[in-house]
Amino acid sequence: MNKANRLFILWIFTASVSGCAEVAPWERGNLAKPQMALDPTPMQTGFRSHIYGSREAASGGDAGSGGGCGCY
């Protein structure tokens, strides 16, 4: 292994380890805010999906079109 490869591996290791940090208990509230969630309103999303599926007479594959009355 030459010097360039060793430096590259060391750089990758340093970059990956630097992202690991311990969160203090009093800071965990900041990470649990609704704004940090992938889906801040999962219940509302479920209801909208159900209503959309009922109107379109199709389920799943929200990107595709389905048969039905076409009103939404």
PDB file of N, CA and C in Angstrom:
ATOM      1  N   MET A   1       0.849  -1.167   0.000  1.00  0.00           N
ATOM      2  CA  MET A   1       0.000   0.000   0.000  1.00  0.00           C
ATOM      3  C   MET A   1       0.904   1.241   0.000  1.00  0.00           C
ATOM      4  N   ASN A   2       0.649   2.136  -0.914  1.00  0.00           N
ATOM      5  CA  ASN A   2       1.489   3.334  -0.945  1.00  0.00           C
ATOM      6  C   ASN A   2       0.949   4.414  -0.015  1.00  0.00           C
ATOM      7  N   LYS A   3       1.678   5.486   0.069  1.00  0.00           N
ATOM      8  CA  LYS A   3       1.350   6.552   1.022  1.00  0.00           C
ATOM      9  C   LYS A   3       0.022   7.234   0.691  1.00  0.00           C
ATOM     10  N   ALA A   4      -0.273   7.399  -0.602  1.00  0.00           N
ATOM     11  CA  ALA A   4      -1.522   8.054  -1.011  1.00  0.00           C
ATOM     12  C   ALA A   4      -2.733   7.223  -0.578  1.00  0.00           C
ATOM     13  N   ASN A   5      -2.648   5.908  -0.737  1.00  0.00           N
ATOM     14  CA  ASN A   5      -3.756   5.043  -0.322  1.00  0.00           C
ATOM     15  C   ASN A   5      -3.966   5.101   1.184  1.00  0.00           C
ATOM     16  N   ARG A   6      -2.895   5.102   1.930  1.00  0.00           N
ATOM     17  CA  ARG A   6      -3.002   5.172   3.386  1.00  0.00           C
ATOM     18  C   ARG A   6      -3.629   6.485   3.834  1.00  0.00           C
ATOM     19  N   LEU A   7      -3.223   7.580   3.208  1.00  0.00           N
ATOM     20  CA  LEU A   7      -3.801   8.879   3.556  1.00  0.00           C
ATOM     21  C   LEU A   7      -5.292   8.928   3.200  1.00  0.00           C
ATOM     22  N   PHE A   8      -5.633   8.330   2.072  1.00  0.00           N
ATOM     23  CA  PHE A   8      -7.037   8.308   1.670  1.00  0.00           C
ATOM     24  C   PHE A   8      -7.874   7.502   2.659  1.00  0.00           C
ATOM     25  N   ILE A   9      -7.391   6.352   3.053  1.00  0.00           N
ATOM     26  CA  ILE A   9      -8.106   5.517   4.017  1.00  0.00           C
ATOM     27  C   ILE A   9      -8.217   6.235   5.357  1.00  0.00           C
ATOM     28  N   LEU A  10      -7.157   6.891   5.777  1.00  0.00           N
ATOM     29  CA  LEU A  10      -7.189   7.658   7.020  1.00  0.00           C
ATOM     30  C   LEU A  10      -8.209   8.797   6.922  1.00  0.00           C
ATOM     31  N   TRP A  11      -8.257   9.447   5.785  1.00  0.00           N
ATOM     32  CA  TRP A  11      -9.200  10.546   5.586  1.00  0.00           C
ATOM     33  C   TRP A  11     -10.645  10.033   5.644  1.00  0.00           C
ATOM     34  N   ILE A  12     -10.925   8.911   4.979  1.00  0.00           N
ATOM     35  CA  ILE A  12     -12.267   8.320   4.996  1.00  0.00           C
ATOM     36  C   ILE A  12     -12.663   7.937   6.430  1.00  0.00           C
ATOM     37  N   PHE A  13     -11.736   7.318   7.158  1.00  0.00           N
ATOM     38  CA  PHE A  13     -12.007   6.925   8.536  1.00  0.00           C
ATOM     39  C   PHE A  13     -12.301   8.149   9.400  1.00  0.00           C
ATOM     40  N   THR A  14     -11.495   9.180   9.257  1.00  0.00           N
ATOM     41  CA  THR A  14     -11.688  10.405  10.050  1.00  0.00           C
ATOM     42  C   THR A  14     -13.022  11.067   9.713  1.00  0.00           C
ATOM     43  N   ALA A  15     -13.374  11.096   8.447  1.00  0.00           N
ATOM     44  CA  ALA A  15     -14.633  11.718   8.043  1.00  0.00           C
ATOM     45  C   ALA A  15     -15.831  10.933   8.567  1.00  0.00           C
ATOM     46  N   SER A  16     -15.740   9.615   8.590  1.00  0.00           N
ATOM     47  CA  SER A  16     -16.876   8.824   9.052  1.00  0.00           C
ATOM     48  C   SER A  16     -17.015   8.845  10.567  1.00  0.00           C
ATOM     49  N   VAL A  17     -15.925   8.927  11.295  1.00  0.00           N
ATOM     50  CA  VAL A  17     -15.976   8.945  12.760  1.00  0.00           C
ATOM     51  C   VAL A  17     -16.427  10.304  13.282  1.00  0.00           C
ATOM     52  N   SER A  18     -16.130  11.350  12.549  1.00  0.00           N
ATOM     53  CA  SER A  18     -16.467  12.691  13.035  1.00  0.00           C
ATOM     54  C   SER A  18     -17.976  12.923  13.071  1.00  0.00           C
ATOM     55  N   GLY A  19     -18.761  12.126  12.346  1.00  0.00           N
ATOM     56  CA  GLY A  19     -20.210  12.284  12.345  1.00  0.00           C
ATOM     57  C   GLY A  19     -20.884  11.654  13.556  1.00  0.00           C
ATOM     58  N   CYS A  20     -20.151  10.876  14.315  1.00  0.00           N
ATOM     59  CA  CYS A  20     -20.728  10.213  15.487  1.00  0.00           C
ATOM     60  C   CYS A  20     -20.609  11.143  16.690  1.00  0.00           C
ATOM     61  N   ALA A  21     -21.723  11.452  17.282  1.00  0.00           N
ATOM     62  CA  ALA A  21     -21.716  12.310  18.460  1.00  0.00           C
ATOM     63  C   ALA A  21     -22.769  11.821  19.436  1.00  0.00           C
ATOM     64  N   GLU A  22     -22.469  11.904  20.696  1.00  0.00           N
ATOM     65  CA  GLU A  22     -23.427  11.525  21.724  1.00  0.00           C
ATOM     66  C   GLU A  22     -24.299  12.726  22.040  1.00  0.00           C
ATOM     67  N   VAL A  23     -25.598  12.485  22.078  1.00  0.00           N
ATOM     68  CA  VAL A  23     -26.559  13.552  22.346  1.00  0.00           C
ATOM     69  C   VAL A  23     -26.907  13.519  23.824  1.00  0.00           C
ATOM     70  N   ALA A  24     -26.785  14.668  24.464  1.00  0.00           N
ATOM     71  CA  ALA A  24     -27.111  14.768  25.891  1.00  0.00           C
ATOM     72  C   ALA A  24     -28.625  14.650  26.088  1.00  0.00           C
ATOM     73  N   PRO A  25     -29.068  14.125  27.232  1.00  0.00           N
ATOM     74  CA  PRO A  25     -30.505  13.953  27.462  1.00  0.00           C
ATOM     75  C   PRO A  25     -31.314  15.246  27.322  1.00  0.00           C
ATOM     76  N   TRP A  26     -30.769  16.371  27.731  1.00  0.00           N
ATOM     77  CA  TRP A  26     -31.523  17.617  27.641  1.00  0.00           C
ATOM     78  C   TRP A  26     -31.543  18.180  26.218  1.00  0.00           C
ATOM     79  N   GLU A  27     -30.737  17.627  25.311  1.00  0.00           N
ATOM     80  CA  GLU A  27     -30.743  18.062  23.917  1.00  0.00           C
ATOM     81  C   GLU A  27     -31.634  17.186  23.042  1.00  0.00           C
ATOM     82  N   ARG A  28     -32.101  16.082  23.557  1.00  0.00           N
ATOM     83  CA  ARG A  28     -32.898  15.152  22.760  1.00  0.00           C
ATOM     84  C   ARG A  28     -34.256  15.722  22.398  1.00  0.00           C
ATOM     85  N   GLY A  29     -34.747  16.643  23.174  1.00  0.00           N
ATOM     86  CA  GLY A  29     -36.023  17.288  22.852  1.00  0.00           C
ATOM     87  C   GLY A  29     -35.957  18.048  21.540  1.00  0.00           C
ATOM     88  N   ASN A  30     -34.799  18.602  21.210  1.00  0.00           N
ATOM     89  CA  ASN A  30     -34.651  19.318  19.945  1.00  0.00           C
ATOM     90  C   ASN A  30     -34.759  18.380  18.758  1.00  0.00           C
ATOM     91  N   LEU A  31     -34.304  17.141  18.918  1.00  0.00           N
ATOM     92  CA  LEU A  31     -34.368  16.181  17.827  1.00  0.00           C
ATOM     93  C   LEU A  31     -35.737  15.534  17.696  1.00  0.00           C
ATOM     94  N   ALA A  32     -36.566  15.640  18.715  1.00  0.00           N
ATOM     95  CA  ALA A  32     -37.878  15.021  18.695  1.00  0.00           C
ATOM     96  C   ALA A  32     -38.978  15.991  18.267  1.00  0.00           C
ATOM     97  N   LYS A  33     -38.619  17.144  17.749  1.00  0.00           N
ATOM     98  CA  LYS A  33     -39.621  18.114  17.315  1.00  0.00           C
ATOM     99  C   LYS A  33     -40.354  17.598  16.083  1.00  0.00           C
ATOM    100  N   PRO A  34     -41.618  17.975  15.917  1.00  0.00           N
ATOM    101  CA  PRO A  34     -42.388  17.521  14.747  1.00  0.00           C
ATOM    102  C   PRO A  34     -41.749  17.939  13.420  1.00  0.00           C
ATOM    103  N   GLN A  35     -41.051  19.056  13.401  1.00  0.00           N
ATOM    104  CA  GLN A  35     -40.425  19.516  12.165  1.00  0.00           C
ATOM    105  C   GLN A  35     -39.322  18.573  11.694  1.00  0.00           C
ATOM    106  N   MET A  36     -38.782  17.761  12.619  1.00  0.00           N
ATOM    107  CA  MET A  36     -37.692  16.858  12.277  1.00  0.00           C
ATOM    108  C   MET A  36     -38.198  15.509  11.753  1.00  0.00           C
ATOM    109  N   ALA A  37     -39.494  15.254  11.830  1.00  0.00           N
ATOM    110  CA  ALA A  37     -40.052  13.975  11.394  1.00  0.00           C
ATOM    111  C   ALA A  37     -40.096  13.903   9.871  1.00  0.00           C
ATOM    112  N   LEU A  38     -39.972  12.693   9.329  1.00  0.00           N
ATOM    113  CA  LEU A  38     -40.079  12.519   7.889  1.00  0.00           C
ATOM    114  C   LEU A  38     -41.488  12.847   7.414  1.00  0.00           C
ATOM    115  N   ASP A  39     -42.470  12.447   8.177  1.00  0.00           N
ATOM    116  CA  ASP A  39     -43.866  12.766   7.880  1.00  0.00           C
ATOM    117  C   ASP A  39     -44.462  13.393   9.136  1.00  0.00           C
ATOM    118  N   PRO A  40     -44.547  14.723   9.209  1.00  0.00           N
ATOM    119  CA  PRO A  40     -44.997  15.370  10.444  1.00  0.00           C
ATOM    120  C   PRO A  40     -46.451  15.080  10.800  1.00  0.00           C
ATOM    121  N   THR A  41     -47.264  14.705   9.837  1.00  0.00           N
ATOM    122  CA  THR A  41     -48.674  14.406  10.119  1.00  0.00           C
ATOM    123  C   THR A  41     -49.033  13.039   9.528  1.00  0.00           C
ATOM    124  N   PRO A  42     -48.578  11.947  10.155  1.00  0.00           N
ATOM    125  CA  PRO A  42     -48.836  10.626   9.573  1.00  0.00           C
ATOM    126  C   PRO A  42     -50.322  10.247   9.558  1.00  0.00           C
ATOM    127  N   MET A  43     -51.069  10.685  10.552  1.00  0.00           N
ATOM    128  CA  MET A  43     -52.492  10.346  10.592  1.00  0.00           C
ATOM    129  C   MET A  43     -53.240  11.043   9.456  1.00  0.00           C
ATOM    130  N   GLN A  44     -52.934  12.311   9.240  1.00  0.00           N
ATOM    131  CA  GLN A  44     -53.582  13.052   8.170  1.00  0.00           C
ATOM    132  C   GLN A  44     -53.180  12.484   6.809  1.00  0.00           C
ATOM    133  N   THR A  45     -51.944  12.071   6.661  1.00  0.00           N
ATOM    134  CA  THR A  45     -51.490  11.478   5.408  1.00  0.00           C
ATOM    135  C   THR A  45     -52.235  10.175   5.146  1.00  0.00           C
ATOM    136  N   GLY A  46     -52.444   9.388   6.196  1.00  0.00           N
ATOM    137  CA  GLY A  46     -53.202   8.148   6.047  1.00  0.00           C
ATOM    138  C   GLY A  46     -54.637   8.391   5.624  1.00  0.00           C
ATOM    139  N   PHE A  47     -55.277   9.387   6.231  1.00  0.00           N
ATOM    140  CA  PHE A  47     -56.654   9.713   5.863  1.00  0.00           C
ATOM    141  C   PHE A  47     -56.740  10.203   4.421  1.00  0.00           C
ATOM    142  N   ARG A  48     -55.810  11.060   4.029  1.00  0.00           N
ATOM    143  CA  ARG A  48     -55.825  11.576   2.656  1.00  0.00           C
ATOM    144  C   ARG A  48     -55.598  10.451   1.647  1.00  0.00           C
ATOM    145  N   SER A  49     -54.711   9.542   1.973  1.00  0.00           N
ATOM    146  CA  SER A  49     -54.454   8.407   1.088  1.00  0.00           C
ATOM    147  C   SER A  49     -55.701   7.530   0.968  1.00  0.00           C
ATOM    148  N   HIS A  50     -56.372   7.316   2.084  1.00  0.00           N
ATOM    149  CA  HIS A  50     -57.595   6.504   2.066  1.00  0.00           C
ATOM    150  C   HIS A  50     -58.682   7.179   1.229  1.00  0.00           C
ATOM    151  N   ILE A  51     -58.873   8.467   1.415  1.00  0.00           N
ATOM    152  CA  ILE A  51     -59.898   9.191   0.663  1.00  0.00           C
ATOM    153  C   ILE A  51     -59.560   9.204  -0.818  1.00  0.00           C
ATOM    154  N   TYR A  52     -58.295   9.427  -1.140  1.00  0.00           N
ATOM    155  CA  TYR A  52     -57.871   9.442  -2.543  1.00  0.00           C
ATOM    156  C   TYR A  52     -58.104   8.083  -3.186  1.00  0.00           C
ATOM    157  N   GLY A  53     -57.753   7.005  -2.465  1.00  0.00           N
ATOM    158  CA  GLY A  53     -57.966   5.664  -2.987  1.00  0.00           C
ATOM    159  C   GLY A  53     -59.437   5.350  -3.176  1.00  0.00           C
ATOM    160  N   SER A  54     -60.277   5.846  -2.279  1.00  0.00           N
ATOM    161  CA  SER A  54     -61.713   5.615  -2.401  1.00  0.00           C
ATOM    162  C   SER A  54     -62.290   6.351  -3.602  1.00  0.00           C
ATOM    163  N   ARG A  55     -61.844   7.548  -3.826  1.00  0.00           N
ATOM    164  CA  ARG A  55     -62.364   8.336  -4.953  1.00  0.00           C
ATOM    165  C   ARG A  55     -61.871   7.805  -6.286  1.00  0.00           C
ATOM    166  N   GLU A  56     -60.644   7.345  -6.314  1.00  0.00           N
ATOM    167  CA  GLU A  56     -60.072   6.868  -7.568  1.00  0.00           C
ATOM    168  C   GLU A  56     -60.375   5.397  -7.828  1.00  0.00           C
ATOM    169  N   ALA A  57     -60.955   4.701  -6.873  1.00  0.00           N
ATOM    170  CA  ALA A  57     -61.255   3.272  -6.978  1.00  0.00           C
ATOM    171  C   ALA A  57     -59.982   2.477  -7.226  1.00  0.00           C
ATOM    172  N   ALA A  58     -58.889   2.903  -6.597  1.00  0.00           N
ATOM    173  CA  ALA A  58     -57.613   2.207  -6.718  1.00  0.00           C
ATOM    174  C   ALA A  58     -56.874   2.373  -5.407  1.00  0.00           C
ATOM    175  N   SER A  59     -55.909   1.515  -5.166  1.00  0.00           N
ATOM    176  CA  SER A  59     -55.121   1.648  -3.947  1.00  0.00           C
ATOM    177  C   SER A  59     -53.650   1.425  -4.275  1.00  0.00           C
ATOM    178  N   GLY A  60     -52.782   2.093  -3.523  1.00  0.00           N
ATOM    179  CA  GLY A  60     -51.348   1.955  -3.722  1.00  0.00           C
ATOM    180  C   GLY A  60     -50.885   2.691  -4.960  1.00  0.00           C
ATOM    181  N   GLY A  61     -49.593   2.855  -5.101  1.00  0.00           N
ATOM    182  CA  GLY A  61     -49.037   3.508  -6.285  1.00  0.00           C
ATOM    183  C   GLY A  61     -49.588   4.894  -6.485  1.00  0.00           C
ATOM    184  N   ASP A  62     -49.373   5.770  -5.534  1.00  0.00           N
ATOM    185  CA  ASP A  62     -49.962   7.107  -5.590  1.00  0.00           C
ATOM    186  C   ASP A  62     -49.538   7.899  -6.823  1.00  0.00           C
ATOM    187  N   ALA A  63     -48.456   7.508  -7.475  1.00  0.00           N
ATOM    188  CA  ALA A  63     -47.981   8.258  -8.632  1.00  0.00           C
ATOM    189  C   ALA A  63     -48.770   7.923  -9.890  1.00  0.00           C
ATOM    190  N   GLY A  64     -49.438   6.778  -9.917  1.00  0.00           N
ATOM    191  CA  GLY A  64     -50.163   6.373 -11.117  1.00  0.00           C
ATOM    192  C   GLY A  64     -51.610   6.809 -11.082  1.00  0.00           C
ATOM    193  N   SER A  65     -52.227   6.779 -12.235  1.00  0.00           N
ATOM    194  CA  SER A  65     -53.647   7.155 -12.291  1.00  0.00           C
ATOM    195  C   SER A  65     -54.480   5.898 -12.143  1.00  0.00           C
ATOM    196  N   GLY A  66     -55.678   6.061 -11.621  1.00  0.00           N
ATOM    197  CA  GLY A  66     -56.564   4.912 -11.427  1.00  0.00           C
ATOM    198  C   GLY A  66     -57.902   5.168 -12.097  1.00  0.00           C
ATOM    199  N   GLY A  67     -58.713   4.140 -12.150  1.00  0.00           N
ATOM    200  CA  GLY A  67     -60.042   4.303 -12.703  1.00  0.00           C
ATOM    201  C   GLY A  67     -61.004   4.806 -11.648  1.00  0.00           C
ATOM    202  N   GLY A  68     -62.081   5.342 -12.037  1.00  0.00           N
ATOM    203  CA  GLY A  68     -63.056   5.867 -11.082  1.00  0.00           C
ATOM    204  C   GLY A  68     -63.689   7.123 -11.627  1.00  0.00           C
ATOM    205  N   CYS A  69     -64.288   7.881 -10.738  1.00  0.00           N
ATOM    206  CA  CYS A  69     -64.991   9.087 -11.197  1.00  0.00           C
ATOM    207  C   CYS A  69     -64.029  10.202 -11.589  1.00  0.00           C
ATOM    208  N   GLY A  70     -62.791  10.178 -11.063  1.00  0.00           N
ATOM    209  CA  GLY A  70     -61.814  11.188 -11.423  1.00  0.00           C
ATOM    210  C   GLY A  70     -61.968  12.489 -10.687  1.00  0.00           C
ATOM    211  N   CYS A  71     -62.827  12.545  -9.681  1.00  0.00           N
ATOM    212  CA  CYS A  71     -62.990  13.790  -8.940  1.00  0.00           C
ATOM    213  C   CYS A  71     -62.060  13.778  -7.728  1.00  0.00           C
ATOM    214  N   TYR A  72     -61.331  14.813  -7.570  1.00  0.00           N
ATOM    215  CA  TYR A  72     -60.479  14.955  -6.406  1.00  0.00           C
ATOM    216  C   TYR A  72     -60.261  16.406  -6.103  1.00  0.00           C
TER     217      TYR A  72
END
